[in-house]
PDB file of N, CA and C in Angstrom:
ATOM      1  N   UNK A   1      18.636  20.237   1.528  1.00  0.00           N
ATOM      2  CA  UNK A   1      18.399  18.874   1.984  1.00  0.00           C
ATOM      3  C   UNK A   1      19.736  18.216   2.286  1.00  0.00           C
ATOM      4  N   UNK A   2      19.769  17.414   3.313  1.00  0.00           N
ATOM      5  CA  UNK A   2      20.996  16.720   3.717  1.00  0.00           C
ATOM      6  C   UNK A   2      21.403  15.694   2.668  1.00  0.00           C
ATOM      7  N   UNK A   3      22.678  15.348   2.654  1.00  0.00           N
ATOM      8  CA  UNK A   3      23.168  14.346   1.713  1.00  0.00           C
ATOM      9  C   UNK A   3      22.737  12.942   2.103  1.00  0.00           C
ATOM     10  N   UNK A   4      22.339  12.770   3.361  1.00  0.00           N
ATOM     11  CA  UNK A   4      21.964  11.447   3.841  1.00  0.00           C
ATOM     12  C   UNK A   4      20.719  11.569   4.706  1.00  0.00           C
ATOM     13  N   UNK A   5      19.762  10.657   4.510  1.00  0.00           N
ATOM     14  CA  UNK A   5      18.529  10.648   5.291  1.00  0.00           C
ATOM     15  C   UNK A   5      18.328   9.233   5.809  1.00  0.00           C
ATOM     16  N   UNK A   6      17.967   9.110   7.079  1.00  0.00           N
ATOM     17  CA  UNK A   6      17.680   7.801   7.657  1.00  0.00           C
ATOM     18  C   UNK A   6      16.176   7.591   7.632  1.00  0.00           C
ATOM     19  N   UNK A   7      15.743   6.449   7.103  1.00  0.00           N
ATOM     20  CA  UNK A   7      14.328   6.115   7.042  1.00  0.00           C
ATOM     21  C   UNK A   7      14.108   4.768   7.710  1.00  0.00           C
ATOM     22  N   UNK A   8      12.872   4.492   8.091  1.00  0.00           N
ATOM     23  CA  UNK A   8      12.540   3.224   8.743  1.00  0.00           C
ATOM     24  C   UNK A   8      11.798   2.317   7.769  1.00  0.00           C
ATOM     25  N   UNK A   9      11.941   1.024   7.976  1.00  0.00           N
ATOM     26  CA  UNK A   9      11.201   0.018   7.229  1.00  0.00           C
ATOM     27  C   UNK A   9      10.002  -0.357   8.091  1.00  0.00           C
ATOM     28  N   UNK A  10       8.779  -0.279   7.523  1.00  0.00           N
ATOM     29  CA  UNK A  10       7.592  -0.589   8.315  1.00  0.00           C
ATOM     30  C   UNK A  10       7.384  -2.099   8.435  1.00  0.00           C
ATOM     31  N   UNK A  11       6.332  -2.502   9.114  1.00  0.00           N
ATOM     32  CA  UNK A  11       6.077  -3.926   9.373  1.00  0.00           C
ATOM     33  C   UNK A  11       5.820  -4.732   8.103  1.00  0.00           C
ATOM     34  N   UNK A  12       5.472  -4.060   7.013  1.00  0.00           N
ATOM     35  CA  UNK A  12       5.234  -4.737   5.735  1.00  0.00           C
ATOM     36  C   UNK A  12       6.465  -4.698   4.832  1.00  0.00           C
ATOM     37  N   UNK A  13       7.571  -4.178   5.326  1.00  0.00           N
ATOM     38  CA  UNK A  13       8.797  -4.141   4.542  1.00  0.00           C
ATOM     39  C   UNK A  13       8.908  -2.952   3.614  1.00  0.00           C
ATOM     40  N   UNK A  14       8.080  -1.940   3.800  1.00  0.00           N
ATOM     41  CA  UNK A  14       8.091  -0.761   2.941  1.00  0.00           C
ATOM     42  C   UNK A  14       8.956   0.339   3.545  1.00  0.00           C
ATOM     43  N   UNK A  15       9.530   1.142   2.673  1.00  0.00           N
ATOM     44  CA  UNK A  15      10.336   2.280   3.093  1.00  0.00           C
ATOM     45  C   UNK A  15       9.606   3.545   2.665  1.00  0.00           C
ATOM     46  N   UNK A  16       9.447   4.474   3.586  1.00  0.00           N
ATOM     47  CA  UNK A  16       8.804   5.745   3.268  1.00  0.00           C
ATOM     48  C   UNK A  16       9.897   6.741   2.875  1.00  0.00           C
ATOM     49  N   UNK A  17       9.849   7.192   1.625  1.00  0.00           N
ATOM     50  CA  UNK A  17      10.835   8.141   1.114  1.00  0.00           C
ATOM     51  C   UNK A  17      10.262   9.547   1.286  1.00  0.00           C
ATOM     52  N   UNK A  18      11.014  10.457   1.899  1.00  0.00           N
ATOM     53  CA  UNK A  18      10.513  11.820   2.094  1.00  0.00           C
ATOM     54  C   UNK A  18      10.122  12.479   0.773  1.00  0.00           C
ATOM     55  N   UNK A  19       9.107  13.364   0.834  1.00  0.00           N
ATOM     56  CA  UNK A  19       8.529  13.987  -0.361  1.00  0.00           C
ATOM     57  C   UNK A  19       9.561  14.723  -1.201  1.00  0.00           C
ATOM     58  N   UNK A  20      10.473  15.435  -0.574  1.00  0.00           N
ATOM     59  CA  UNK A  20      11.475  16.191  -1.339  1.00  0.00           C
ATOM     60  C   UNK A  20      12.348  15.262  -2.178  1.00  0.00           C
ATOM     61  N   UNK A  21      12.681  14.118  -1.624  1.00  0.00           N
ATOM     62  CA  UNK A  21      13.499  13.145  -2.358  1.00  0.00           C
ATOM     63  C   UNK A  21      12.669  12.499  -3.461  1.00  0.00           C
ATOM     64  N   UNK A  22      11.393  12.167  -3.174  1.00  0.00           N
ATOM     65  CA  UNK A  22      10.516  11.558  -4.192  1.00  0.00           C
ATOM     66  C   UNK A  22      10.384  12.446  -5.412  1.00  0.00           C
ATOM     67  N   UNK A  23      10.296  13.758  -5.207  1.00  0.00           N
ATOM     68  CA  UNK A  23      10.180  14.684  -6.338  1.00  0.00           C
ATOM     69  C   UNK A  23      11.419  14.622  -7.217  1.00  0.00           C
ATOM     70  N   UNK A  24      12.584  14.477  -6.610  1.00  0.00           N
ATOM     71  CA  UNK A  24      13.823  14.395  -7.383  1.00  0.00           C
ATOM     72  C   UNK A  24      13.963  13.054  -8.097  1.00  0.00           C
ATOM     73  N   UNK A  25      13.493  11.990  -7.457  1.00  0.00           N
ATOM     74  CA  UNK A  25      13.611  10.647  -8.031  1.00  0.00           C
ATOM     75  C   UNK A  25      12.683  10.482  -9.230  1.00  0.00           C
ATOM     76  N   UNK A  26      11.442  10.935  -9.112  1.00  0.00           N
ATOM     77  CA  UNK A  26      10.467  10.761 -10.179  1.00  0.00           C
ATOM     78  C   UNK A  26       9.548   9.581  -9.911  1.00  0.00           C
ATOM     79  N   UNK A  27       8.946   9.050 -10.984  1.00  0.00           N
ATOM     80  CA  UNK A  27       7.940   7.994 -10.852  1.00  0.00           C
ATOM     81  C   UNK A  27       8.527   6.610 -10.602  1.00  0.00           C
ATOM     82  N   UNK A  28       9.752   6.379 -11.033  1.00  0.00           N
ATOM     83  CA  UNK A  28      10.378   5.072 -10.846  1.00  0.00           C
ATOM     84  C   UNK A  28      11.768   5.246 -10.246  1.00  0.00           C
ATOM     85  N   UNK A  29      12.234   4.191  -9.602  1.00  0.00           N
ATOM     86  CA  UNK A  29      13.567   4.222  -9.005  1.00  0.00           C
ATOM     87  C   UNK A  29      14.219   2.861  -9.185  1.00  0.00           C
ATOM     88  N   UNK A  30      15.533   2.850  -9.134  1.00  0.00           N
ATOM     89  CA  UNK A  30      16.312   1.621  -9.223  1.00  0.00           C
ATOM     90  C   UNK A  30      17.121   1.484  -7.949  1.00  0.00           C
ATOM     91  N   UNK A  31      17.097   0.303  -7.358  1.00  0.00           N
ATOM     92  CA  UNK A  31      17.921   0.033  -6.185  1.00  0.00           C
ATOM     93  C   UNK A  31      19.077  -0.834  -6.653  1.00  0.00           C
ATOM     94  N   UNK A  32      20.283  -0.355  -6.413  1.00  0.00           N
ATOM     95  CA  UNK A  32      21.485  -1.035  -6.894  1.00  0.00           C
ATOM     96  C   UNK A  32      22.336  -1.475  -5.706  1.00  0.00           C
ATOM     97  N   UNK A  33      22.777  -2.730  -5.754  1.00  0.00           N
ATOM     98  CA  UNK A  33      23.663  -3.235  -4.700  1.00  0.00           C
ATOM     99  C   UNK A  33      25.087  -2.778  -5.027  1.00  0.00           C
ATOM    100  N   UNK A  34      25.767  -2.232  -4.024  1.00  0.00           N
ATOM    101  CA  UNK A  34      27.156  -1.815  -4.170  1.00  0.00           C
ATOM    102  C   UNK A  34      27.960  -2.463  -3.055  1.00  0.00           C
ATOM    103  N   UNK A  35      29.294  -2.433  -3.128  1.00  0.00           N
ATOM    104  CA  UNK A  35      30.098  -3.000  -2.035  1.00  0.00           C
ATOM    105  C   UNK A  35      29.818  -2.325  -0.689  1.00  0.00           C
ATOM    106  N   UNK A  36      29.407  -1.062  -0.715  1.00  0.00           N
ATOM    107  CA  UNK A  36      29.138  -0.334   0.528  1.00  0.00           C
ATOM    108  C   UNK A  36      27.727  -0.553   1.053  1.00  0.00           C
ATOM    109  N   UNK A  37      26.821  -1.076   0.224  1.00  0.00           N
ATOM    110  CA  UNK A  37      25.424  -1.254   0.611  1.00  0.00           C
ATOM    111  C   UNK A  37      24.526  -1.123  -0.598  1.00  0.00           C
ATOM    112  N   UNK A  38      23.404  -0.435  -0.418  1.00  0.00           N
ATOM    113  CA  UNK A  38      22.452  -0.250  -1.510  1.00  0.00           C
ATOM    114  C   UNK A  38      22.384   1.216  -1.888  1.00  0.00           C
ATOM    115  N   UNK A  39      22.170   1.471  -3.163  1.00  0.00           N
ATOM    116  CA  UNK A  39      22.111   2.816  -3.698  1.00  0.00           C
ATOM    117  C   UNK A  39      20.780   3.003  -4.415  1.00  0.00           C
ATOM    118  N   UNK A  40      20.066   4.070  -4.099  1.00  0.00           N
ATOM    119  CA  UNK A  40      18.786   4.367  -4.735  1.00  0.00           C
ATOM    120  C   UNK A  40      19.030   5.382  -5.838  1.00  0.00           C
ATOM    121  N   UNK A  41      18.671   5.010  -7.074  1.00  0.00           N
ATOM    122  CA  UNK A  41      18.895   5.865  -8.235  1.00  0.00           C
ATOM    123  C   UNK A  41      17.575   6.189  -8.917  1.00  0.00           C
ATOM    124  N   UNK A  42      17.463   7.388  -9.508  1.00  0.00           N
ATOM    125  CA  UNK A  42      16.257   7.684 -10.283  1.00  0.00           C
ATOM    126  C   UNK A  42      16.118   6.680 -11.419  1.00  0.00           C
ATOM    127  N   UNK A  43      14.884   6.218 -11.663  1.00  0.00           N
ATOM    128  CA  UNK A  43      14.635   5.269 -12.743  1.00  0.00           C
ATOM    129  C   UNK A  43      14.590   5.970 -14.082  1.00  0.00           C
ATOM    130  N   UNK A  44      14.683   5.186 -15.121  1.00  0.00           N
ATOM    131  CA  UNK A  44      14.597   5.725 -16.473  1.00  0.00           C
ATOM    132  C   UNK A  44      13.131   5.870 -16.844  1.00  0.00           C
ATOM    133  N   UNK A  45      12.779   7.028 -17.376  1.00  0.00           N
ATOM    134  CA  UNK A  45      11.411   7.227 -17.833  1.00  0.00           C
ATOM    135  C   UNK A  45      11.260   6.575 -19.199  1.00  0.00           C
ATOM    136  N   UNK A  46      10.200   5.805 -19.359  1.00  0.00           N
ATOM    137  CA  UNK A  46       9.958   5.122 -20.623  1.00  0.00           C
ATOM    138  C   UNK A  46       8.923   5.884 -21.433  1.00  0.00           C
ATOM    139  N   UNK A  47       9.215   6.075 -22.684  1.00  0.00           N
ATOM    140  CA  UNK A  47       8.283   6.694 -23.600  1.00  0.00           C
ATOM    141  C   UNK A  47       7.345   5.603 -24.109  1.00  0.00           C
ATOM    142  N   UNK A  48       6.047   5.764 -23.881  1.00  0.00           N
ATOM    143  CA  UNK A  48       5.082   4.732 -24.253  1.00  0.00           C
ATOM    144  C   UNK A  48       5.100   4.449 -25.754  1.00  0.00           C
ATOM    145  N   UNK A  49       5.240   5.481 -26.566  1.00  0.00           N
ATOM    146  CA  UNK A  49       5.265   5.263 -28.011  1.00  0.00           C
ATOM    147  C   UNK A  49       6.515   4.491 -28.423  1.00  0.00           C
ATOM    148  N   UNK A  50       7.639   4.802 -27.813  1.00  0.00           N
ATOM    149  CA  UNK A  50       8.871   4.092 -28.144  1.00  0.00           C
ATOM    150  C   UNK A  50       8.781   2.628 -27.707  1.00  0.00           C
ATOM    151  N   UNK A  51       8.177   2.391 -26.559  1.00  0.00           N
ATOM    152  CA  UNK A  51       8.004   1.019 -26.073  1.00  0.00           C
ATOM    153  C   UNK A  51       7.119   0.217 -27.034  1.00  0.00           C
ATOM    154  N   UNK A  52       6.028   0.838 -27.501  1.00  0.00           N
ATOM    155  CA  UNK A  52       5.138   0.180 -28.459  1.00  0.00           C
ATOM    156  C   UNK A  52       5.868  -0.085 -29.769  1.00  0.00           C
ATOM    157  N   UNK A  53       6.667   0.869 -30.225  1.00  0.00           N
ATOM    158  CA  UNK A  53       7.429   0.713 -31.457  1.00  0.00           C
ATOM    159  C   UNK A  53       8.377  -0.489 -31.358  1.00  0.00           C
ATOM    160  N   UNK A  54       9.028  -0.660 -30.208  1.00  0.00           N
ATOM    161  CA  UNK A  54       9.933  -1.804 -30.013  1.00  0.00           C
ATOM    162  C   UNK A  54       9.166  -3.116 -30.069  1.00  0.00           C
ATOM    163  N   UNK A  55       7.981  -3.136 -29.464  1.00  0.00           N
ATOM    164  CA  UNK A  55       7.173  -4.359 -29.469  1.00  0.00           C
ATOM    165  C   UNK A  55       6.752  -4.716 -30.893  1.00  0.00           C
ATOM    166  N   UNK A  56       6.317  -3.715 -31.643  1.00  0.00           N
ATOM    167  CA  UNK A  56       5.858  -3.957 -33.014  1.00  0.00           C
ATOM    168  C   UNK A  56       7.000  -4.469 -33.891  1.00  0.00           C
ATOM    169  N   UNK A  57       8.193  -3.917 -33.714  1.00  0.00           N
ATOM    170  CA  UNK A  57       9.330  -4.300 -34.553  1.00  0.00           C
ATOM    171  C   UNK A  57       9.994  -5.604 -34.112  1.00  0.00           C
ATOM    172  N   UNK A  58       9.693  -6.082 -32.905  1.00  0.00           N
ATOM    173  CA  UNK A  58      10.339  -7.301 -32.418  1.00  0.00           C
ATOM    174  C   UNK A  58       9.832  -8.522 -33.179  1.00  0.00           C
ATOM    175  N   UNK A  59      10.651  -9.570 -33.187  1.00  0.00           N
ATOM    176  CA  UNK A  59      10.259 -10.813 -33.863  1.00  0.00           C
ATOM    177  C   UNK A  59       9.190 -11.507 -33.037  1.00  0.00           C
ATOM    178  N   UNK A  60       8.275 -12.157 -33.734  1.00  0.00           N
ATOM    179  CA  UNK A  60       7.200 -12.860 -33.055  1.00  0.00           C
ATOM    180  C   UNK A  60       7.746 -14.071 -32.308  1.00  0.00           C
ATOM    181  N   UNK A  61       7.013 -14.493 -31.283  1.00  0.00           N
ATOM    182  CA  UNK A  61       7.430 -15.637 -30.478  1.00  0.00           C
ATOM    183  C   UNK A  61       6.668 -16.900 -30.846  1.00  0.00           C
ATOM    184  N   UNK A  62       5.782 -16.799 -31.801  1.00  0.00           N
ATOM    185  CA  UNK A  62       4.947 -17.932 -32.162  1.00  0.00           C
ATOM    186  C   UNK A  62       5.804 -19.061 -32.712  1.00  0.00           C
ATOM    187  N   UNK A  63       5.460 -20.263 -32.297  1.00  0.00           N
ATOM    188  CA  UNK A  63       6.113 -21.448 -32.850  1.00  0.00           C
ATOM    189  C   UNK A  63       5.031 -22.308 -33.494  1.00  0.00           C
ATOM    190  N   UNK A  64       5.375 -22.957 -34.541  1.00  0.00           N
ATOM    191  CA  UNK A  64       4.395 -23.789 -35.228  1.00  0.00           C
ATOM    192  C   UNK A  64       3.549 -22.978 -36.185  1.00  0.00           C
ATOM    193  N   UNK A  65       2.585 -23.639 -36.781  1.00  0.00           N
ATOM    194  CA  UNK A  65       1.730 -23.006 -37.773  1.00  0.00           C
ATOM    195  C   UNK A  65       0.337 -22.801 -37.183  1.00  0.00           C
ATOM    196  N   UNK A  66      -0.235 -21.593 -37.320  1.00  0.00           N
ATOM    197  CA  UNK A  66      -1.566 -21.363 -36.756  1.00  0.00           C
ATOM    198  C   UNK A  66      -2.622 -22.195 -37.477  1.00  0.00           C
ATOM    199  N   UNK A  67      -3.621 -22.615 -36.719  1.00  0.00           N
ATOM    200  CA  UNK A  67      -4.709 -23.397 -37.290  1.00  0.00           C
ATOM    201  C   UNK A  67      -5.864 -22.478 -37.656  1.00  0.00           C
ATOM    202  N   UNK A  68      -6.555 -22.789 -38.730  1.00  0.00           N
ATOM    203  CA  UNK A  68      -7.784 -22.076 -39.087  1.00  0.00           C
ATOM    204  C   UNK A  68      -8.947 -22.938 -38.636  1.00  0.00           C
ATOM    205  N   UNK A  69      -9.522 -22.585 -37.494  1.00  0.00           N
ATOM    206  CA  UNK A  69     -10.602 -23.376 -36.944  1.00  0.00           C
ATOM    207  C   UNK A  69     -11.920 -23.054 -37.635  1.00  0.00           C
ATOM    208  N   UNK A  70     -12.747 -24.051 -37.711  1.00  0.00           N
ATOM    209  CA  UNK A  70     -14.087 -23.864 -38.272  1.00  0.00           C
ATOM    210  C   UNK A  70     -14.966 -23.210 -37.199  1.00  0.00           C
ATOM    211  N   UNK A  71     -16.054 -22.562 -37.629  1.00  0.00           N
ATOM    212  CA  UNK A  71     -16.972 -21.969 -36.654  1.00  0.00           C
ATOM    213  C   UNK A  71     -17.533 -23.005 -35.671  1.00  0.00           C
ATOM    214  N   UNK A  72     -17.753 -24.225 -36.138  1.00  0.00           N
ATOM    215  CA  UNK A  72     -18.281 -25.281 -35.262  1.00  0.00           C
ATOM    216  C   UNK A  72     -17.299 -25.612 -34.137  1.00  0.00           C
ATOM    217  N   UNK A  73     -16.011 -25.678 -34.480  1.00  0.00           N
ATOM    218  CA  UNK A  73     -15.003 -25.992 -33.474  1.00  0.00           C
ATOM    219  C   UNK A  73     -14.905 -24.853 -32.447  1.00  0.00           C
ATOM    220  N   UNK A  74     -15.010 -23.618 -32.902  1.00  0.00           N
ATOM    221  CA  UNK A  74     -14.967 -22.484 -31.986  1.00  0.00           C
ATOM    222  C   UNK A  74     -16.187 -22.488 -31.069  1.00  0.00           C
ATOM    223  N   UNK A  75     -17.357 -22.784 -31.620  1.00  0.00           N
ATOM    224  CA  UNK A  75     -18.586 -22.834 -30.820  1.00  0.00           C
ATOM    225  C   UNK A  75     -18.527 -23.947 -29.786  1.00  0.00           C
ATOM    226  N   UNK A  76     -17.846 -25.051 -30.123  1.00  0.00           N
ATOM    227  CA  UNK A  76     -17.752 -26.150 -29.160  1.00  0.00           C
ATOM    228  C   UNK A  76     -16.980 -25.724 -27.913  1.00  0.00           C
ATOM    229  N   UNK A  77     -16.006 -24.830 -28.082  1.00  0.00           N
ATOM    230  CA  UNK A  77     -15.251 -24.316 -26.936  1.00  0.00           C
ATOM    231  C   UNK A  77     -16.149 -23.406 -26.099  1.00  0.00           C
ATOM    232  N   UNK A  78     -16.947 -22.563 -26.745  1.00  0.00           N
ATOM    233  CA  UNK A  78     -17.843 -21.666 -26.018  1.00  0.00           C
ATOM    234  C   UNK A  78     -18.820 -22.482 -25.171  1.00  0.00           C
ATOM    235  N   UNK A  79     -19.324 -23.580 -25.710  1.00  0.00           N
ATOM    236  CA  UNK A  79     -20.296 -24.402 -24.977  1.00  0.00           C
ATOM    237  C   UNK A  79     -19.671 -25.049 -23.758  1.00  0.00           C
ATOM    238  N   UNK A  80     -18.370 -25.339 -23.776  1.00  0.00           N
ATOM    239  CA  UNK A  80     -17.705 -25.975 -22.645  1.00  0.00           C
ATOM    240  C   UNK A  80     -17.532 -25.019 -21.471  1.00  0.00           C
ATOM    241  N   UNK A  81     -17.470 -23.706 -21.747  1.00  0.00           N
ATOM    242  CA  UNK A  81     -17.212 -22.753 -20.674  1.00  0.00           C
ATOM    243  C   UNK A  81     -18.488 -22.328 -19.967  1.00  0.00           C
ATOM    244  N   UNK A  82     -19.610 -22.642 -20.484  1.00  0.00           N
ATOM    245  CA  UNK A  82     -20.875 -22.229 -19.853  1.00  0.00           C
ATOM    246  C   UNK A  82     -21.225 -23.062 -18.659  1.00  0.00           C
TER     247      UNK A  82
END
C-alpha cells in the first residue's frame, strides 16, 4: 500500500477510507491537527470492564441530600404524566 492516499469528501462531509487502511486503523480513529495539516491515527481500544471499573470508583456527582419521597408523592407524579 502506498504511503499516501488521496480521498474525496462527499456532499455530506464524509470521507471514505479504503478498506485496507480501515483494517489497520481499527474501530476508532483520532484526527490530530498538526502544523502540516491533519493526521489520522488509530484510536485507542477501550476495555469495557476497565471503563466500568473507572465509573464505579469515581466520586459521585450528586449535590445536596436525597429526599425519601412517600408513595403518595411518587404516585402524584405518575398521574401528571398520563
